[in-house]
Amino acid sequence: MRALASIAMLLAAGATQTHAHRAPGGWDYPFECCSEADCARIDPSEVRETPSGFVVTIMPGRHPMWASERRQPAVLDIPYQKARLSPDGFFHLCMNDAGELLCFFSPGGGS
């Protein structure tokens, strides 16, 4: 019986580690977007809307995945079809440490 309880506890602990982390607004980033540190709310000044989507410029140190040791900003061109509706009305960016887009959330959404 103890063995079953131990296994259940280990499975539960593993399950909680696979969930995406929570945004500052209280909603959970989707699992496919992050691994505990890939997503963050970004300032609207870092986002420029274009006719085809968004250009996001992240200066070094302004996102958990773009450390202050970087010499250049991360610049991401994000087409409207890749933008998701932001549940809290703020911009959020999920990217890996190579500066590649995982997910982008916009208050206005996308198509």
PDB file of N, CA and C in Angstrom:
ATOM      1  N   MET A   1       0.810  -1.185   0.000  1.00  0.00           N
ATOM      2  CA  MET A   1       0.000   0.000   0.000  1.00  0.00           C
ATOM      3  C   MET A   1       0.867   1.269   0.000  1.00  0.00           C
ATOM      4  N   ARG A   2       1.946   1.232   0.795  1.00  0.00           N
ATOM      5  CA  ARG A   2       2.846   2.386   0.840  1.00  0.00           C
ATOM      6  C   ARG A   2       3.520   2.611  -0.518  1.00  0.00           C
ATOM      7  N   ALA A   3       3.843   1.514  -1.180  1.00  0.00           N
ATOM      8  CA  ALA A   3       4.470   1.625  -2.502  1.00  0.00           C
ATOM      9  C   ALA A   3       3.535   2.316  -3.481  1.00  0.00           C
ATOM     10  N   LEU A   4       2.252   1.951  -3.445  1.00  0.00           N
ATOM     11  CA  LEU A   4       1.276   2.600  -4.326  1.00  0.00           C
ATOM     12  C   LEU A   4       1.143   4.085  -4.001  1.00  0.00           C
ATOM     13  N   ALA A   5       1.129   4.414  -2.730  1.00  0.00           N
ATOM     14  CA  ALA A   5       1.034   5.811  -2.318  1.00  0.00           C
ATOM     15  C   ALA A   5       2.261   6.585  -2.772  1.00  0.00           C
ATOM     16  N   SER A   6       3.431   5.996  -2.653  1.00  0.00           N
ATOM     17  CA  SER A   6       4.665   6.653  -3.098  1.00  0.00           C
ATOM     18  C   SER A   6       4.659   6.890  -4.592  1.00  0.00           C
ATOM     19  N   ILE A   7       4.216   5.893  -5.339  1.00  0.00           N
ATOM     20  CA  ILE A   7       4.140   6.036  -6.799  1.00  0.00           C
ATOM     21  C   ILE A   7       3.153   7.136  -7.172  1.00  0.00           C
ATOM     22  N   ALA A   8       2.026   7.163  -6.507  1.00  0.00           N
ATOM     23  CA  ALA A   8       1.022   8.197  -6.782  1.00  0.00           C
ATOM     24  C   ALA A   8       1.588   9.584  -6.503  1.00  0.00           C
ATOM     25  N   MET A   9       2.346   9.722  -5.408  1.00  0.00           N
ATOM     26  CA  MET A   9       2.938  11.019  -5.077  1.00  0.00           C
ATOM     27  C   MET A   9       3.978  11.429  -6.115  1.00  0.00           C
ATOM     28  N   LEU A  10       4.785  10.478  -6.569  1.00  0.00           N
ATOM     29  CA  LEU A  10       5.784  10.788  -7.593  1.00  0.00           C
ATOM     30  C   LEU A  10       5.124  11.193  -8.907  1.00  0.00           C
ATOM     31  N   LEU A  11       4.078  10.491  -9.286  1.00  0.00           N
ATOM     32  CA  LEU A  11       3.362  10.843 -10.509  1.00  0.00           C
ATOM     33  C   LEU A  11       2.735  12.225 -10.386  1.00  0.00           C
ATOM     34  N   ALA A  12       2.163  12.529  -9.245  1.00  0.00           N
ATOM     35  CA  ALA A  12       1.555  13.846  -9.042  1.00  0.00           C
ATOM     36  C   ALA A  12       2.609  14.929  -9.099  1.00  0.00           C
ATOM     37  N   ALA A  13       3.766  14.699  -8.500  1.00  0.00           N
ATOM     38  CA  ALA A  13       4.847  15.692  -8.533  1.00  0.00           C
ATOM     39  C   ALA A  13       5.335  15.891  -9.958  1.00  0.00           C
ATOM     40  N   GLY A  14       5.483  14.807 -10.708  1.00  0.00           N
ATOM     41  CA  GLY A  14       5.902  14.927 -12.105  1.00  0.00           C
ATOM     42  C   GLY A  14       4.877  15.650 -12.940  1.00  0.00           C
ATOM     43  N   ALA A  15       3.604  15.430 -12.660  1.00  0.00           N
ATOM     44  CA  ALA A  15       2.542  16.089 -13.421  1.00  0.00           C
ATOM     45  C   ALA A  15       2.559  17.589 -13.180  1.00  0.00           C
ATOM     46  N   THR A  16       2.816  18.027 -11.972  1.00  0.00           N
ATOM     47  CA  THR A  16       2.822  19.458 -11.711  1.00  0.00           C
ATOM     48  C   THR A  16       4.020  20.124 -12.374  1.00  0.00           C
ATOM     49  N   GLN A  17       5.112  19.416 -12.567  1.00  0.00           N
ATOM     50  CA  GLN A  17       6.278  20.003 -13.198  1.00  0.00           C
ATOM     51  C   GLN A  17       6.098  20.147 -14.705  1.00  0.00           C
ATOM     52  N   THR A  18       5.158  19.437 -15.291  1.00  0.00           N
ATOM     53  CA  THR A  18       4.968  19.535 -16.734  1.00  0.00           C
ATOM     54  C   THR A  18       3.988  20.643 -17.118  1.00  0.00           C
ATOM     55  N   HIS A  19       3.314  21.242 -16.152  1.00  0.00           N
ATOM     56  CA  HIS A  19       2.400  22.334 -16.466  1.00  0.00           C
ATOM     57  C   HIS A  19       3.170  23.606 -16.778  1.00  0.00           C
ATOM     58  N   ALA A  20       2.630  24.389 -17.664  1.00  0.00           N
ATOM     59  CA  ALA A  20       3.218  25.681 -17.976  1.00  0.00           C
ATOM     60  C   ALA A  20       3.050  26.594 -16.778  1.00  0.00           C
ATOM     61  N   HIS A  21       3.858  27.631 -16.725  1.00  0.00           N
ATOM     62  CA  HIS A  21       3.756  28.519 -15.574  1.00  0.00           C
ATOM     63  C   HIS A  21       2.685  29.581 -15.761  1.00  0.00           C
ATOM     64  N   ARG A  22       2.388  30.245 -14.693  1.00  0.00           N
ATOM     65  CA  ARG A  22       1.291  31.202 -14.623  1.00  0.00           C
ATOM     66  C   ARG A  22       1.761  32.597 -15.029  1.00  0.00           C
ATOM     67  N   ALA A  23       0.943  33.272 -15.821  1.00  0.00           N
ATOM     68  CA  ALA A  23       1.199  34.656 -16.209  1.00  0.00           C
ATOM     69  C   ALA A  23       0.888  35.576 -15.028  1.00  0.00           C
ATOM     70  N   PRO A  24       1.452  36.787 -15.022  1.00  0.00           N
ATOM     71  CA  PRO A  24       1.161  37.715 -13.921  1.00  0.00           C
ATOM     72  C   PRO A  24      -0.334  37.995 -13.745  1.00  0.00           C
ATOM     73  N   GLY A  25      -1.112  37.893 -14.813  1.00  0.00           N
ATOM     74  CA  GLY A  25      -2.546  38.150 -14.747  1.00  0.00           C
ATOM     75  C   GLY A  25      -3.356  36.991 -14.183  1.00  0.00           C
ATOM     76  N   GLY A  26      -2.691  35.869 -13.851  1.00  0.00           N
ATOM     77  CA  GLY A  26      -3.370  34.755 -13.222  1.00  0.00           C
ATOM     78  C   GLY A  26      -3.789  33.626 -14.150  1.00  0.00           C
ATOM     79  N   TRP A  27      -3.535  33.719 -15.429  1.00  0.00           N
ATOM     80  CA  TRP A  27      -3.863  32.641 -16.359  1.00  0.00           C
ATOM     81  C   TRP A  27      -2.597  31.835 -16.633  1.00  0.00           C
ATOM     82  N   ASP A  28      -2.755  30.622 -17.107  1.00  0.00           N
ATOM     83  CA  ASP A  28      -1.613  29.758 -17.399  1.00  0.00           C
ATOM     84  C   ASP A  28      -1.216  29.880 -18.864  1.00  0.00           C
ATOM     85  N   TYR A  29       0.084  30.070 -19.086  1.00  0.00           N
ATOM     86  CA  TYR A  29       0.581  30.010 -20.457  1.00  0.00           C
ATOM     87  C   TYR A  29       0.362  28.580 -20.953  1.00  0.00           C
ATOM     88  N   PRO A  30      -0.027  28.404 -22.212  1.00  0.00           N
ATOM     89  CA  PRO A  30      -0.202  27.051 -22.739  1.00  0.00           C
ATOM     90  C   PRO A  30       1.097  26.242 -22.671  1.00  0.00           C
ATOM     91  N   PHE A  31       0.963  24.955 -22.470  1.00  0.00           N
ATOM     92  CA  PHE A  31       2.116  24.067 -22.318  1.00  0.00           C
ATOM     93  C   PHE A  31       3.084  24.181 -23.493  1.00  0.00           C
ATOM     94  N   GLU A  32       2.572  24.293 -24.707  1.00  0.00           N
ATOM     95  CA  GLU A  32       3.439  24.328 -25.882  1.00  0.00           C
ATOM     96  C   GLU A  32       4.238  25.625 -25.993  1.00  0.00           C
ATOM     97  N   CYS A  33       3.920  26.605 -25.140  1.00  0.00           N
ATOM     98  CA  CYS A  33       4.590  27.900 -25.210  1.00  0.00           C
ATOM     99  C   CYS A  33       5.788  28.040 -24.283  1.00  0.00           C
ATOM    100  N   CYS A  34       5.826  27.248 -23.210  1.00  0.00           N
ATOM    101  CA  CYS A  34       6.876  27.536 -22.238  1.00  0.00           C
ATOM    102  C   CYS A  34       7.265  26.352 -21.385  1.00  0.00           C
ATOM    103  N   SER A  35       8.405  26.536 -20.738  1.00  0.00           N
ATOM    104  CA  SER A  35       8.944  25.554 -19.795  1.00  0.00           C
ATOM    105  C   SER A  35       9.394  26.297 -18.540  1.00  0.00           C
ATOM    106  N   GLU A  36       8.482  26.945 -17.889  1.00  0.00           N
ATOM    107  CA  GLU A  36       8.715  27.639 -16.633  1.00  0.00           C
ATOM    108  C   GLU A  36       9.418  28.987 -16.752  1.00  0.00           C
ATOM    109  N   ALA A  37      10.092  29.306 -17.826  1.00  0.00           N
ATOM    110  CA  ALA A  37      10.797  30.588 -17.899  1.00  0.00           C
ATOM    111  C   ALA A  37      10.736  31.245 -19.270  1.00  0.00           C
ATOM    112  N   ASP A  38      10.128  30.593 -20.235  1.00  0.00           N
ATOM    113  CA  ASP A  38      10.174  31.077 -21.610  1.00  0.00           C
ATOM    114  C   ASP A  38       9.228  32.237 -21.896  1.00  0.00           C
ATOM    115  N   CYS A  39       8.237  32.456 -21.038  1.00  0.00           N
ATOM    116  CA  CYS A  39       7.212  33.466 -21.287  1.00  0.00           C
ATOM    117  C   CYS A  39       7.300  34.611 -20.287  1.00  0.00           C
ATOM    118  N   ALA A  40       6.966  35.791 -20.767  1.00  0.00           N
ATOM    119  CA  ALA A  40       6.932  36.957 -19.892  1.00  0.00           C
ATOM    120  C   ALA A  40       6.054  38.032 -20.521  1.00  0.00           C
ATOM    121  N   ARG A  41       5.457  38.837 -19.672  1.00  0.00           N
ATOM    122  CA  ARG A  41       4.728  40.008 -20.137  1.00  0.00           C
ATOM    123  C   ARG A  41       5.755  41.013 -20.643  1.00  0.00           C
ATOM    124  N   ILE A  42       5.454  41.655 -21.765  1.00  0.00           N
ATOM    125  CA  ILE A  42       6.378  42.639 -22.321  1.00  0.00           C
ATOM    126  C   ILE A  42       5.682  43.983 -22.419  1.00  0.00           C
ATOM    127  N   ASP A  43       6.478  45.014 -22.433  1.00  0.00           N
ATOM    128  CA  ASP A  43       5.979  46.380 -22.483  1.00  0.00           C
ATOM    129  C   ASP A  43       5.456  46.697 -23.884  1.00  0.00           C
ATOM    130  N   PRO A  44       4.349  47.418 -23.978  1.00  0.00           N
ATOM    131  CA  PRO A  44       3.826  47.789 -25.308  1.00  0.00           C
ATOM    132  C   PRO A  44       4.833  48.555 -26.158  1.00  0.00           C
ATOM    133  N   SER A  45       5.777  49.258 -25.535  1.00  0.00           N
ATOM    134  CA  SER A  45       6.786  50.001 -26.300  1.00  0.00           C
ATOM    135  C   SER A  45       7.723  49.057 -27.072  1.00  0.00           C
ATOM    136  N   GLU A  46       7.728  47.775 -26.720  1.00  0.00           N
ATOM    137  CA  GLU A  46       8.572  46.798 -27.404  1.00  0.00           C
ATOM    138  C   GLU A  46       7.877  46.167 -28.608  1.00  0.00           C
ATOM    139  N   VAL A  47       6.632  46.565 -28.838  1.00  0.00           N
ATOM    140  CA  VAL A  47       5.817  45.976 -29.907  1.00  0.00           C
ATOM    141  C   VAL A  47       5.427  47.058 -30.905  1.00  0.00           C
ATOM    142  N   ARG A  48       5.649  46.772 -32.171  1.00  0.00           N
ATOM    143  CA  ARG A  48       5.212  47.673 -33.240  1.00  0.00           C
ATOM    144  C   ARG A  48       4.323  46.868 -34.176  1.00  0.00           C
ATOM    145  N   GLU A  49       3.146  47.386 -34.451  1.00  0.00           N
ATOM    146  CA  GLU A  49       2.239  46.697 -35.371  1.00  0.00           C
ATOM    147  C   GLU A  49       2.550  47.128 -36.796  1.00  0.00           C
ATOM    148  N   THR A  50       2.525  46.158 -37.706  1.00  0.00           N
ATOM    149  CA  THR A  50       2.770  46.402 -39.124  1.00  0.00           C
ATOM    150  C   THR A  50       1.545  45.927 -39.903  1.00  0.00           C
ATOM    151  N   PRO A  51       1.469  46.184 -41.190  1.00  0.00           N
ATOM    152  CA  PRO A  51       0.334  45.686 -41.966  1.00  0.00           C
ATOM    153  C   PRO A  51       0.193  44.160 -41.947  1.00  0.00           C
ATOM    154  N   SER A  52       1.295  43.444 -41.748  1.00  0.00           N
ATOM    155  CA  SER A  52       1.231  41.979 -41.782  1.00  0.00           C
ATOM    156  C   SER A  52       1.319  41.314 -40.406  1.00  0.00           C
ATOM    157  N   GLY A  53       1.529  42.097 -39.356  1.00  0.00           N
ATOM    158  CA  GLY A  53       1.643  41.502 -38.026  1.00  0.00           C
ATOM    159  C   GLY A  53       2.312  42.422 -37.037  1.00  0.00           C
ATOM    160  N   PHE A  54       3.282  41.885 -36.322  1.00  0.00           N
ATOM    161  CA  PHE A  54       3.965  42.629 -35.268  1.00  0.00           C
ATOM    162  C   PHE A  54       5.470  42.467 -35.407  1.00  0.00           C
ATOM    163  N   VAL A  55       6.202  43.495 -35.004  1.00  0.00           N
ATOM    164  CA  VAL A  55       7.648  43.409 -34.841  1.00  0.00           C
ATOM    165  C   VAL A  55       7.902  43.662 -33.362  1.00  0.00           C
ATOM    166  N   VAL A  56       8.520  42.695 -32.717  1.00  0.00           N
ATOM    167  CA  VAL A  56       8.822  42.786 -31.287  1.00  0.00           C
ATOM    168  C   VAL A  56      10.331  42.919 -31.139  1.00  0.00           C
ATOM    169  N   THR A  57      10.758  43.940 -30.410  1.00  0.00           N
ATOM    170  CA  THR A  57      12.171  44.179 -30.163  1.00  0.00           C
ATOM    171  C   THR A  57      12.423  44.088 -28.664  1.00  0.00           C
ATOM    172  N   ILE A  58      13.195  43.095 -28.261  1.00  0.00           N
ATOM    173  CA  ILE A  58      13.509  42.870 -26.854  1.00  0.00           C
ATOM    174  C   ILE A  58      14.981  43.223 -26.619  1.00  0.00           C
ATOM    175  N   MET A  59      15.203  44.226 -25.809  1.00  0.00           N
ATOM    176  CA  MET A  59      16.563  44.615 -25.467  1.00  0.00           C
ATOM    177  C   MET A  59      17.140  43.605 -24.469  1.00  0.00           C
ATOM    178  N   PRO A  60      18.452  43.457 -24.448  1.00  0.00           N
ATOM    179  CA  PRO A  60      19.066  42.540 -23.485  1.00  0.00           C
ATOM    180  C   PRO A  60      18.624  42.849 -22.052  1.00  0.00           C
ATOM    181  N   GLY A  61      18.254  41.788 -21.331  1.00  0.00           N
ATOM    182  CA  GLY A  61      17.827  41.926 -19.954  1.00  0.00           C
ATOM    183  C   GLY A  61      16.360  42.238 -19.753  1.00  0.00           C
ATOM    184  N   ARG A  62      15.591  42.375 -20.826  1.00  0.00           N
ATOM    185  CA  ARG A  62      14.180  42.740 -20.717  1.00  0.00           C
ATOM    186  C   ARG A  62      13.237  41.543 -20.828  1.00  0.00           C
ATOM    187  N   HIS A  63      13.779  40.343 -20.925  1.00  0.00           N
ATOM    188  CA  HIS A  63      12.985  39.107 -20.999  1.00  0.00           C
ATOM    189  C   HIS A  63      13.817  38.008 -20.353  1.00  0.00           C
ATOM    190  N   PRO A  64      13.185  37.080 -19.633  1.00  0.00           N
ATOM    191  CA  PRO A  64      13.956  36.023 -18.974  1.00  0.00           C
ATOM    192  C   PRO A  64      14.845  35.205 -19.916  1.00  0.00           C
ATOM    193  N   MET A  65      14.448  35.087 -21.160  1.00  0.00           N
ATOM    194  CA  MET A  65      15.234  34.295 -22.104  1.00  0.00           C
ATOM    195  C   MET A  65      16.234  35.130 -22.917  1.00  0.00           C
ATOM    196  N   TRP A  66      16.290  36.421 -22.660  1.00  0.00           N
ATOM    197  CA  TRP A  66      17.225  37.287 -23.387  1.00  0.00           C
ATOM    198  C   TRP A  66      18.018  38.079 -22.347  1.00  0.00           C
ATOM    199  N   ALA A  67      19.052  37.429 -21.830  1.00  0.00           N
ATOM    200  CA  ALA A  67      19.822  37.953 -20.693  1.00  0.00           C
ATOM    201  C   ALA A  67      20.538  39.261 -21.017  1.00  0.00           C
ATOM    202  N   SER A  68      20.873  39.970 -19.964  1.00  0.00           N
ATOM    203  CA  SER A  68      21.548  41.264 -20.131  1.00  0.00           C
ATOM    204  C   SER A  68      22.952  41.112 -20.717  1.00  0.00           C
ATOM    205  N   GLU A  69      23.498  39.901 -20.715  1.00  0.00           N
ATOM    206  CA  GLU A  69      24.816  39.670 -21.312  1.00  0.00           C
ATOM    207  C   GLU A  69      24.781  39.712 -22.841  1.00  0.00           C
ATOM    208  N   ARG A  70      23.600  39.611 -23.403  1.00  0.00           N
ATOM    209  CA  ARG A  70      23.473  39.681 -24.871  1.00  0.00           C
ATOM    210  C   ARG A  70      23.907  41.070 -25.329  1.00  0.00           C
ATOM    211  N   ARG A  71      24.485  41.129 -26.498  1.00  0.00           N
ATOM    212  CA  ARG A  71      24.951  42.420 -27.018  1.00  0.00           C
ATOM    213  C   ARG A  71      23.928  43.095 -27.929  1.00  0.00           C
ATOM    214  N   GLN A  72      23.056  42.293 -28.538  1.00  0.00           N
ATOM    215  CA  GLN A  72      22.098  42.811 -29.506  1.00  0.00           C
ATOM    216  C   GLN A  72      20.672  42.537 -29.035  1.00  0.00           C
ATOM    217  N   PRO A  73      19.727  43.353 -29.464  1.00  0.00           N
ATOM    218  CA  PRO A  73      18.324  43.044 -29.142  1.00  0.00           C
ATOM    219  C   PRO A  73      17.836  41.837 -29.943  1.00  0.00           C
ATOM    220  N   ALA A  74      16.842  41.176 -29.410  1.00  0.00           N
ATOM    221  CA  ALA A  74      16.143  40.127 -30.157  1.00  0.00           C
ATOM    222  C   ALA A  74      15.027  40.820 -30.929  1.00  0.00           C
ATOM    223  N   VAL A  75      14.969  40.604 -32.226  1.00  0.00           N
ATOM    224  CA  VAL A  75      13.937  41.203 -33.066  1.00  0.00           C
ATOM    225  C   VAL A  75      13.167  40.067 -33.724  1.00  0.00           C
ATOM    226  N   LEU A  76      11.859  40.028 -33.447  1.00  0.00           N
ATOM    227  CA  LEU A  76      11.017  38.958 -33.981  1.00  0.00           C
ATOM    228  C   LEU A  76       9.918  39.546 -34.849  1.00  0.00           C
ATOM    229  N   ASP A  77       9.794  39.048 -36.077  1.00  0.00           N
ATOM    230  CA  ASP A  77       8.686  39.388 -36.960  1.00  0.00           C
ATOM    231  C   ASP A  77       7.608  38.336 -36.737  1.00  0.00           C
ATOM    232  N   ILE A  78       6.437  38.770 -36.302  1.00  0.00           N
ATOM    233  CA  ILE A  78       5.373  37.839 -35.947  1.00  0.00           C
ATOM    234  C   ILE A  78       4.144  38.121 -36.808  1.00  0.00           C
ATOM    235  N   PRO A  79       3.804  37.228 -37.730  1.00  0.00           N
ATOM    236  CA  PRO A  79       2.617  37.443 -38.554  1.00  0.00           C
ATOM    237  C   PRO A  79       1.346  37.355 -37.707  1.00  0.00           C
ATOM    238  N   TYR A  80       0.304  38.042 -38.151  1.00  0.00           N
ATOM    239  CA  TYR A  80      -0.963  38.031 -37.415  1.00  0.00           C
ATOM    240  C   TYR A  80      -1.459  36.623 -37.105  1.00  0.00           C
ATOM    241  N   GLN A  81      -1.285  35.688 -38.039  1.00  0.00           N
ATOM    242  CA  GLN A  81      -1.814  34.340 -37.820  1.00  0.00           C
ATOM    243  C   GLN A  81      -1.098  33.601 -36.695  1.00  0.00           C
ATOM    244  N   LYS A  82       0.061  34.081 -36.252  1.00  0.00           N
ATOM    245  CA  LYS A  82       0.758  33.448 -35.125  1.00  0.00           C
ATOM    246  C   LYS A  82       0.440  34.135 -33.796  1.00  0.00           C
ATOM    247  N   ALA A  83      -0.238  35.264 -33.835  1.00  0.00           N
ATOM    248  CA  ALA A  83      -0.606  35.967 -32.597  1.00  0.00           C
ATOM    249  C   ALA A  83      -1.829  35.314 -31.980  1.00  0.00           C
ATOM    250  N   ARG A  84      -1.824  35.256 -30.661  1.00  0.00           N
ATOM    251  CA  ARG A  84      -2.954  34.715 -29.908  1.00  0.00           C
ATOM    252  C   ARG A  84      -3.570  35.839 -29.096  1.00  0.00           C
ATOM    253  N   LEU A  85      -4.828  35.696 -28.787  1.00  0.00           N
ATOM    254  CA  LEU A  85      -5.519  36.685 -27.974  1.00  0.00           C
ATOM    255  C   LEU A  85      -5.014  36.597 -26.539  1.00  0.00           C
ATOM    256  N   SER A  86      -4.617  37.732 -25.993  1.00  0.00           N
ATOM    257  CA  SER A  86      -4.128  37.780 -24.621  1.00  0.00           C
ATOM    258  C   SER A  86      -5.297  37.764 -23.644  1.00  0.00           C
ATOM    259  N   PRO A  87      -5.336  36.807 -22.731  1.00  0.00           N
ATOM    260  CA  PRO A  87      -6.446  36.731 -21.772  1.00  0.00           C
ATOM    261  C   PRO A  87      -6.511  37.905 -20.792  1.00  0.00           C
ATOM    262  N   ASP A  88      -5.393  38.602 -20.577  1.00  0.00           N
ATOM    263  CA  ASP A  88      -5.398  39.688 -19.596  1.00  0.00           C
ATOM    264  C   ASP A  88      -5.236  41.079 -20.206  1.00  0.00           C
ATOM    265  N   GLY A  89      -5.217  41.156 -21.549  1.00  0.00           N
ATOM    266  CA  GLY A  89      -5.134  42.457 -22.204  1.00  0.00           C
ATOM    267  C   GLY A  89      -3.739  43.047 -22.291  1.00  0.00           C
ATOM    268  N   PHE A  90      -2.711  42.248 -22.020  1.00  0.00           N
ATOM    269  CA  PHE A  90      -1.328  42.705 -22.113  1.00  0.00           C
ATOM    270  C   PHE A  90      -0.588  41.879 -23.154  1.00  0.00           C
ATOM    271  N   PHE A  91       0.539  42.421 -23.628  1.00  0.00           N
ATOM    272  CA  PHE A  91       1.400  41.671 -24.527  1.00  0.00           C
ATOM    273  C   PHE A  91       2.235  40.682 -23.711  1.00  0.00           C
ATOM    274  N   HIS A  92       2.395  39.476 -24.249  1.00  0.00           N
ATOM    275  CA  HIS A  92       3.245  38.456 -23.647  1.00  0.00           C
ATOM    276  C   HIS A  92       4.035  37.804 -24.767  1.00  0.00           C
ATOM    277  N   LEU A  93       5.303  37.515 -24.485  1.00  0.00           N
ATOM    278  CA  LEU A  93       6.171  36.872 -25.463  1.00  0.00           C
ATOM    279  C   LEU A  93       6.788  35.621 -24.847  1.00  0.00           C
ATOM    280  N   CYS A  94       6.710  34.524 -25.584  1.00  0.00           N
ATOM    281  CA  CYS A  94       7.375  33.284 -25.204  1.00  0.00           C
ATOM    282  C   CYS A  94       8.405  32.996 -26.288  1.00  0.00           C
ATOM    283  N   MET A  95       9.660  32.899 -25.862  1.00  0.00           N
ATOM    284  CA  MET A  95      10.723  32.609 -26.818  1.00  0.00           C
ATOM    285  C   MET A  95      11.767  31.738 -26.140  1.00  0.00           C
ATOM    286  N   ASN A  96      12.556  31.059 -26.966  1.00  0.00           N
ATOM    287  CA  ASN A  96      13.625  30.244 -26.403  1.00  0.00           C
ATOM    288  C   ASN A  96      14.892  31.088 -26.272  1.00  0.00           C
ATOM    289  N   ASP A  97      15.948  30.492 -25.720  1.00  0.00           N
ATOM    290  CA  ASP A  97      17.163  31.272 -25.486  1.00  0.00           C
ATOM    291  C   ASP A  97      17.950  31.569 -26.756  1.00  0.00           C
ATOM    292  N   ALA A  98      17.505  31.047 -27.884  1.00  0.00           N
ATOM    293  CA  ALA A  98      18.094  31.406 -29.176  1.00  0.00           C
ATOM    294  C   ALA A  98      17.358  32.595 -29.797  1.00  0.00           C
ATOM    295  N   GLY A  99      16.318  33.089 -29.107  1.00  0.00           N
ATOM    296  CA  GLY A  99      15.552  34.218 -29.617  1.00  0.00           C
ATOM    297  C   GLY A  99      14.488  33.821 -30.620  1.00  0.00           C
ATOM    298  N   GLU A 100      14.118  32.547 -30.654  1.00  0.00           N
ATOM    299  CA  GLU A 100      13.092  32.068 -31.579  1.00  0.00           C
ATOM    300  C   GLU A 100      11.723  32.112 -30.920  1.00  0.00           C
ATOM    301  N   LEU A 101      10.735  32.510 -31.691  1.00  0.00           N
ATOM    302  CA  LEU A 101       9.369  32.625 -31.201  1.00  0.00           C
ATOM    303  C   LEU A 101       8.771  31.278 -30.833  1.00  0.00           C
ATOM    304  N   LEU A 102       8.166  31.232 -29.651  1.00  0.00           N
ATOM    305  CA  LEU A 102       7.359  30.073 -29.257  1.00  0.00           C
ATOM    306  C   LEU A 102       5.882  30.467 -29.313  1.00  0.00           C
ATOM    307  N   CYS A 103       5.507  31.565 -28.641  1.00  0.00           N
ATOM    308  CA  CYS A 103       4.140  32.075 -28.673  1.00  0.00           C
ATOM    309  C   CYS A 103       4.162  33.582 -28.430  1.00  0.00           C
ATOM    310  N   PHE A 104       3.161  34.243 -28.968  1.00  0.00           N
ATOM    311  CA  PHE A 104       3.005  35.682 -28.762  1.00  0.00           C
ATOM    312  C   PHE A 104       1.536  35.959 -28.486  1.00  0.00           C
ATOM    313  N   PHE A 105       1.272  36.742 -27.451  1.00  0.00           N
ATOM    314  CA  PHE A 105      -0.081  37.098 -27.062  1.00  0.00           C
ATOM    315  C   PHE A 105      -0.246  38.607 -27.181  1.00  0.00           C
ATOM    316  N   SER A 106      -1.310  39.000 -27.859  1.00  0.00           N
ATOM    317  CA  SER A 106      -1.590  40.407 -28.115  1.00  0.00           C
ATOM    318  C   SER A 106      -2.966  40.755 -27.560  1.00  0.00           C
ATOM    319  N   PRO A 107      -3.115  41.959 -26.993  1.00  0.00           N
ATOM    320  CA  PRO A 107      -4.445  42.373 -26.523  1.00  0.00           C
ATOM    321  C   PRO A 107      -5.469  42.394 -27.640  1.00  0.00           C
ATOM    322  N   GLY A 108      -5.015  42.652 -28.864  1.00  0.00           N
ATOM    323  CA  GLY A 108      -5.912  42.681 -30.004  1.00  0.00           C
ATOM    324  C   GLY A 108      -6.014  41.347 -30.707  1.00  0.00           C
ATOM    325  N   GLY A 109      -5.228  40.369 -30.255  1.00  0.00           N
ATOM    326  CA  GLY A 109      -5.248  39.042 -30.855  1.00  0.00           C
ATOM    327  C   GLY A 109      -4.580  39.018 -32.198  1.00  0.00           C
ATOM    328  N   GLY A 110      -5.066  38.215 -33.065  1.00  0.00           N
ATOM    329  CA  GLY A 110      -4.557  38.058 -34.416  1.00  0.00           C
ATOM    330  C   GLY A 110      -5.659  37.449 -35.233  1.00  0.00           C
ATOM    331  N   SER A 111      -5.337  37.075 -36.438  1.00  0.00           N
ATOM    332  CA  SER A 111      -6.371  36.482 -37.266  1.00  0.00           C
ATOM    333  C   SER A 111      -6.409  34.992 -37.126  1.00  0.00           C
TER     334      SER A 111
END
